[in-house]
Amino acid sequence: MTAEIVTAAMLIIGDEILSGRTKDRNIGHLADIMAAIGIDLKEVRIVSDDENDIASAVNALRARYTYVFTTGGIGPTHDDITADSISKAFGVACEYDPKAYRMLEQNYMNRDLEFTEARKRMARMPVGADHIDNPVSLAPGFRIGNVHVMAGVPAIFQAMLDNVVPTLKTGTKLLSATVECPFGEGVIGGPLGEIQKAHPDTIIGSYPKYLDGNFWTELVARARTQDALDAAVAEITAMVASLKATA
């Protein structure tokens, strides 16, 4: 039986990320969660606050991957245009969601705060979208098709993602093994490349390390079956031993 591969992409929305005013803290968290549940995060894009650019990126990613996760641009300000952009991508209207509107209206009433036009914007989403609950600040994200739209604030993004994960189809998790190599990438690049070619179902990564004046390389093999992993690791180990013998 062929192992099912489930893929994902992330779209980070906001001029503040591209300008450097805000440092992204969500990529690493999403990558960790996806790896833990057997979904391959294959691509991350960052796009400015431009409706056409956002819609174009969403359409490209949702056609290519099983899931798309977006962060940013669902707040109350004029440049929070993610809901409009996702609506444009799907060719549907962006309207006040009745459930979200009532929920936010009641929340601000309970806090004795005015439910301003700006705050009402957080209740807008594409027609046909479902809520992604927000236990931190209440204003919901939403999902439409295979696209999950969430806040950019890390604490809120993480809380929303916790609610999304149980709804996802997951794939076969990658197994991994590490081989320590005392040589740099310039030495091992050729033979390691040949091993990768011989094991196309295994992902082999090399990660240079430096500590206290010493250089070495950490070689990590990842595969979906133990047999494939063991075969690649055996060749990597033999390669390192061979290089040591001739050093």
Protein backbone atom coordinates (compact mmCIF):
# COMPACT_ATOMS: atom_id res chain seq x y z
CA MET A 1 0.00 0.00 0.00
CA THR A 2 1.34 3.45 -0.91
CA ALA A 3 1.63 5.75 2.08
CA GLU A 4 -0.69 8.71 1.82
CA ILE A 5 1.13 12.02 1.59
CA VAL A 6 -0.75 15.04 2.92
CA THR A 7 0.75 18.42 2.11
CA ALA A 8 0.37 21.98 3.33
CA ALA A 9 1.45 25.51 2.53
CA MET A 10 1.52 28.65 4.65
CA LEU A 11 0.71 32.16 3.45
CA ILE A 12 1.83 34.99 5.72
CA ILE A 13 0.00 38.23 4.98
CA GLY A 14 1.16 41.69 5.93
CA ASP A 15 3.37 44.62 4.99
CA GLU A 16 4.67 44.65 8.56
CA ILE A 17 6.39 41.30 8.02
CA LEU A 18 7.99 42.36 4.75
CA SER A 19 9.18 45.67 6.21
CA GLY A 20 10.76 43.99 9.22
CA ARG A 21 8.61 45.85 11.73
CA THR A 22 7.17 42.53 12.88
CA LYS A 23 9.18 39.31 13.13
CA ASP A 24 7.30 36.16 12.21
CA ARG A 25 6.96 33.60 15.00
CA ASN A 26 4.36 31.35 13.40
CA ILE A 27 6.30 29.44 10.73
CA GLY A 28 8.27 27.35 13.21
CA HIS A 29 5.19 26.51 15.26
CA LEU A 30 3.20 25.41 12.23
CA ALA A 31 6.15 23.37 10.94
CA ASP A 32 6.48 21.59 14.29
CA ILE A 33 2.77 20.77 14.46
CA MET A 34 2.59 19.60 10.85
CA ALA A 35 5.61 17.32 11.29
CA ALA A 36 4.11 15.89 14.47
CA ILE A 37 0.86 14.87 12.76
CA GLY A 38 2.33 13.65 9.48
CA ILE A 39 1.59 16.57 7.17
CA ASP A 40 4.40 17.83 4.92
CA LEU A 41 4.73 21.62 5.06
CA LYS A 42 6.05 22.18 1.53
CA GLU A 43 5.97 25.94 0.99
CA VAL A 44 5.79 29.24 2.86
CA ARG A 45 5.04 32.53 1.14
CA ILE A 46 4.90 36.09 2.44
CA VAL A 47 2.67 38.55 0.59
CA SER A 48 1.94 42.24 1.05
CA ASP A 49 -1.42 43.79 1.90
CA ASP A 50 -2.61 43.75 -1.68
CA GLU A 51 -5.95 42.11 -2.48
CA ASN A 52 -4.98 40.84 -5.92
CA ASP A 53 -1.65 39.46 -4.72
CA ILE A 54 -3.26 37.69 -1.78
CA ALA A 55 -6.01 36.18 -3.94
CA SER A 56 -3.50 35.04 -6.54
CA ALA A 57 -1.26 33.41 -3.93
CA VAL A 58 -4.20 31.66 -2.26
CA ASN A 59 -5.43 30.25 -5.56
CA ALA A 60 -1.97 29.01 -6.50
CA LEU A 61 -1.39 27.31 -3.17
CA ARG A 62 -4.84 25.79 -2.66
CA ALA A 63 -4.62 24.13 -6.07
CA ARG A 64 -1.26 22.57 -5.30
CA TYR A 65 -1.47 21.44 -1.66
CA THR A 66 -3.91 19.55 0.53
CA TYR A 67 -4.21 22.43 3.00
CA VAL A 68 -3.36 26.12 3.09
CA PHE A 69 -2.93 28.08 6.32
CA THR A 70 -2.91 31.87 6.27
CA THR A 71 -1.93 34.23 9.07
CA GLY A 72 -2.55 37.93 9.45
CA GLY A 73 -4.93 40.54 8.14
CA ILE A 74 -8.18 39.62 9.92
CA GLY A 75 -8.21 42.46 12.45
CA PRO A 76 -10.30 45.67 12.61
CA THR A 77 -8.12 48.13 10.68
CA HIS A 78 -8.39 49.34 7.08
CA ASP A 79 -5.42 47.27 5.94
CA ASP A 80 -6.87 44.02 7.29
CA ILE A 81 -8.09 42.81 3.91
CA THR A 82 -7.60 39.06 4.16
CA ALA A 83 -11.33 38.26 4.31
CA ASP A 84 -11.99 40.32 1.18
CA SER A 85 -9.00 38.77 -0.59
CA ILE A 86 -10.00 35.17 0.24
CA SER A 87 -13.53 35.95 -0.94
CA LYS A 88 -12.09 37.21 -4.21
CA ALA A 89 -9.99 34.06 -4.59
CA PHE A 90 -13.09 31.86 -4.21
CA GLY A 91 -15.37 34.13 -6.23
CA VAL A 92 -17.87 34.68 -3.41
CA ALA A 93 -19.13 37.74 -1.52
CA CYS A 94 -17.55 38.90 1.73
CA GLU A 95 -20.32 39.64 4.21
CA TYR A 96 -20.98 39.95 7.92
CA ASP A 97 -21.35 36.44 9.31
CA PRO A 98 -24.47 36.51 11.53
CA LYS A 99 -23.04 34.23 14.21
CA ALA A 100 -19.75 36.11 14.40
CA TYR A 101 -21.57 39.47 14.40
CA ARG A 102 -23.84 38.50 17.31
CA MET A 103 -20.96 37.02 19.27
CA LEU A 104 -18.76 40.09 18.90
CA GLU A 105 -21.64 42.49 19.51
CA GLN A 106 -22.48 40.74 22.78
CA ASN A 107 -18.83 40.65 23.81
CA TYR A 108 -18.36 44.41 23.41
CA MET A 109 -21.68 45.07 25.11
CA ASN A 110 -20.61 42.98 28.09
CA ARG A 111 -17.39 44.99 28.28
CA ASP A 112 -19.31 48.29 27.97
CA LEU A 113 -17.45 49.11 24.76
CA GLU A 114 -18.88 50.51 21.54
CA PHE A 115 -19.26 48.01 18.71
CA THR A 116 -17.66 50.32 16.17
CA GLU A 117 -17.56 49.90 12.41
CA ALA A 118 -13.91 48.90 12.74
CA ARG A 119 -14.74 46.17 15.25
CA LYS A 120 -17.60 44.96 13.09
CA ARG A 121 -15.04 44.23 10.34
CA MET A 122 -13.85 41.24 12.35
CA ALA A 123 -17.24 39.57 11.72
CA ARG A 124 -16.79 39.65 7.92
CA MET A 125 -15.90 36.47 6.07
CA PRO A 126 -16.58 34.78 2.73
CA VAL A 127 -20.09 33.49 2.23
CA GLY A 128 -20.08 29.76 2.97
CA ALA A 129 -17.08 29.84 5.31
CA ASP A 130 -17.04 28.00 8.64
CA HIS A 131 -15.72 29.46 11.89
CA ILE A 132 -12.37 28.69 13.45
CA ASP A 133 -12.89 29.40 17.12
CA ASN A 134 -10.67 31.92 18.85
CA PRO A 135 -10.51 31.24 22.60
CA VAL A 136 -8.11 34.13 23.20
CA SER A 137 -9.79 37.24 21.81
CA LEU A 138 -13.07 35.75 20.51
CA ALA A 139 -12.97 37.14 16.93
CA PRO A 140 -13.07 33.97 14.81
CA GLY A 141 -10.95 32.87 11.93
CA PHE A 142 -12.57 30.86 9.18
CA ARG A 143 -12.09 28.00 6.75
CA ILE A 144 -13.36 27.82 3.20
CA GLY A 145 -12.47 24.90 0.97
CA ASN A 146 -9.00 23.75 1.98
CA VAL A 147 -7.94 27.21 3.18
CA HIS A 148 -7.71 27.99 6.91
CA VAL A 149 -7.56 31.68 7.76
CA MET A 150 -6.13 32.63 11.14
CA ALA A 151 -4.78 35.57 13.10
CA GLY A 152 -1.16 36.67 12.93
CA VAL A 153 -0.73 37.24 16.67
CA PRO A 154 1.22 34.12 17.75
CA ALA A 155 -0.84 33.29 20.85
CA ILE A 156 -4.08 33.56 18.88
CA PHE A 157 -2.70 31.68 15.88
CA GLN A 158 -1.56 28.82 18.11
CA ALA A 159 -4.93 28.64 19.87
CA MET A 160 -6.79 28.62 16.56
CA LEU A 161 -4.47 25.97 15.15
CA ASP A 162 -5.20 23.76 18.15
CA ASN A 163 -8.87 23.86 17.10
CA VAL A 164 -8.04 23.14 13.46
CA VAL A 165 -5.69 20.16 13.93
CA PRO A 166 -8.38 17.63 14.96
CA THR A 167 -10.25 18.33 11.69
CA LEU A 168 -7.29 17.60 9.40
CA LYS A 169 -6.58 14.48 7.42
CA THR A 170 -3.09 13.35 8.34
CA GLY A 171 -0.53 11.32 6.46
CA THR A 172 2.18 8.85 7.33
CA LYS A 173 4.71 10.46 9.65
CA LEU A 174 8.33 10.67 8.59
CA LEU A 175 10.82 8.55 10.53
CA SER A 176 14.27 10.05 11.01
CA ALA A 177 17.79 9.07 11.99
CA THR A 178 20.96 11.12 12.47
CA VAL A 179 24.55 10.24 11.57
CA GLU A 180 27.32 12.46 12.94
CA CYS A 181 30.01 13.20 10.38
CA PRO A 182 33.37 14.82 11.25
CA PHE A 183 33.79 16.23 7.73
CA GLY A 184 32.42 19.38 6.13
CA GLU A 185 29.94 19.54 3.29
CA GLY A 186 32.69 20.21 0.77
CA VAL A 187 34.08 16.74 1.47
CA ILE A 188 30.85 14.77 1.66
CA GLY A 189 28.78 16.64 -0.95
CA GLY A 190 29.63 14.32 -3.87
CA PRO A 191 29.17 10.91 -2.24
CA LEU A 192 26.14 12.10 -0.25
CA GLY A 193 24.52 13.24 -3.47
CA GLU A 194 25.01 9.79 -4.96
CA ILE A 195 23.39 8.20 -1.93
CA GLN A 196 20.41 10.54 -2.29
CA LYS A 197 20.01 9.53 -5.94
CA ALA A 198 20.07 5.86 -4.95
CA HIS A 199 17.34 6.43 -2.34
CA PRO A 200 14.73 8.70 -3.96
CA ASP A 201 12.11 7.85 -1.33
CA THR A 202 14.37 9.10 1.45
CA ILE A 203 15.07 12.76 2.25
CA ILE A 204 18.69 13.33 3.24
CA GLY A 205 19.73 16.63 4.77
CA SER A 206 23.16 17.89 5.80
CA TYR A 207 23.49 20.51 8.52
CA PRO A 208 26.90 22.14 9.14
CA LYS A 209 27.82 22.59 12.80
CA TYR A 210 30.45 24.70 14.52
CA LEU A 211 31.45 24.67 18.19
CA ASP A 212 34.65 25.68 19.98
CA GLY A 213 36.61 25.95 16.75
CA ASN A 214 35.48 22.57 15.45
CA PHE A 215 33.44 21.98 12.30
CA TRP A 216 31.38 18.89 11.59
CA THR A 217 28.19 17.95 9.76
CA GLU A 218 25.00 16.39 11.05
CA LEU A 219 23.45 14.10 8.44
CA VAL A 220 19.73 13.47 8.87
CA ALA A 221 17.79 10.88 6.87
CA ARG A 222 13.98 10.90 6.79
CA ALA A 223 11.70 8.26 5.31
CA ARG A 224 8.18 6.92 5.69
CA THR A 225 9.22 3.28 6.20
CA GLN A 226 11.80 1.78 8.54
CA ASP A 227 13.28 -0.34 5.74
CA ALA A 228 13.90 2.69 3.53
CA LEU A 229 15.38 4.62 6.43
CA ASP A 230 17.67 1.76 7.49
CA ALA A 231 18.97 1.26 3.95
CA ALA A 232 19.89 4.93 3.53
CA VAL A 233 21.44 5.19 6.98
CA ALA A 234 23.58 2.11 6.32
CA GLU A 235 25.03 3.73 3.19
CA ILE A 236 25.58 7.06 4.92
CA THR A 237 27.35 5.35 7.80
CA ALA A 238 29.54 3.36 5.40
CA MET A 239 30.41 6.57 3.52
CA VAL A 240 31.52 8.30 6.73
CA ALA A 241 33.58 5.26 7.77
CA SER A 242 35.24 5.17 4.34
CA LEU A 243 36.18 8.85 4.54
CA LYS A 244 37.61 8.36 8.02
CA ALA A 245 39.71 5.46 6.78
CA THR A 246 41.30 7.58 4.06
CA ALA A 247 41.63 10.79 6.06
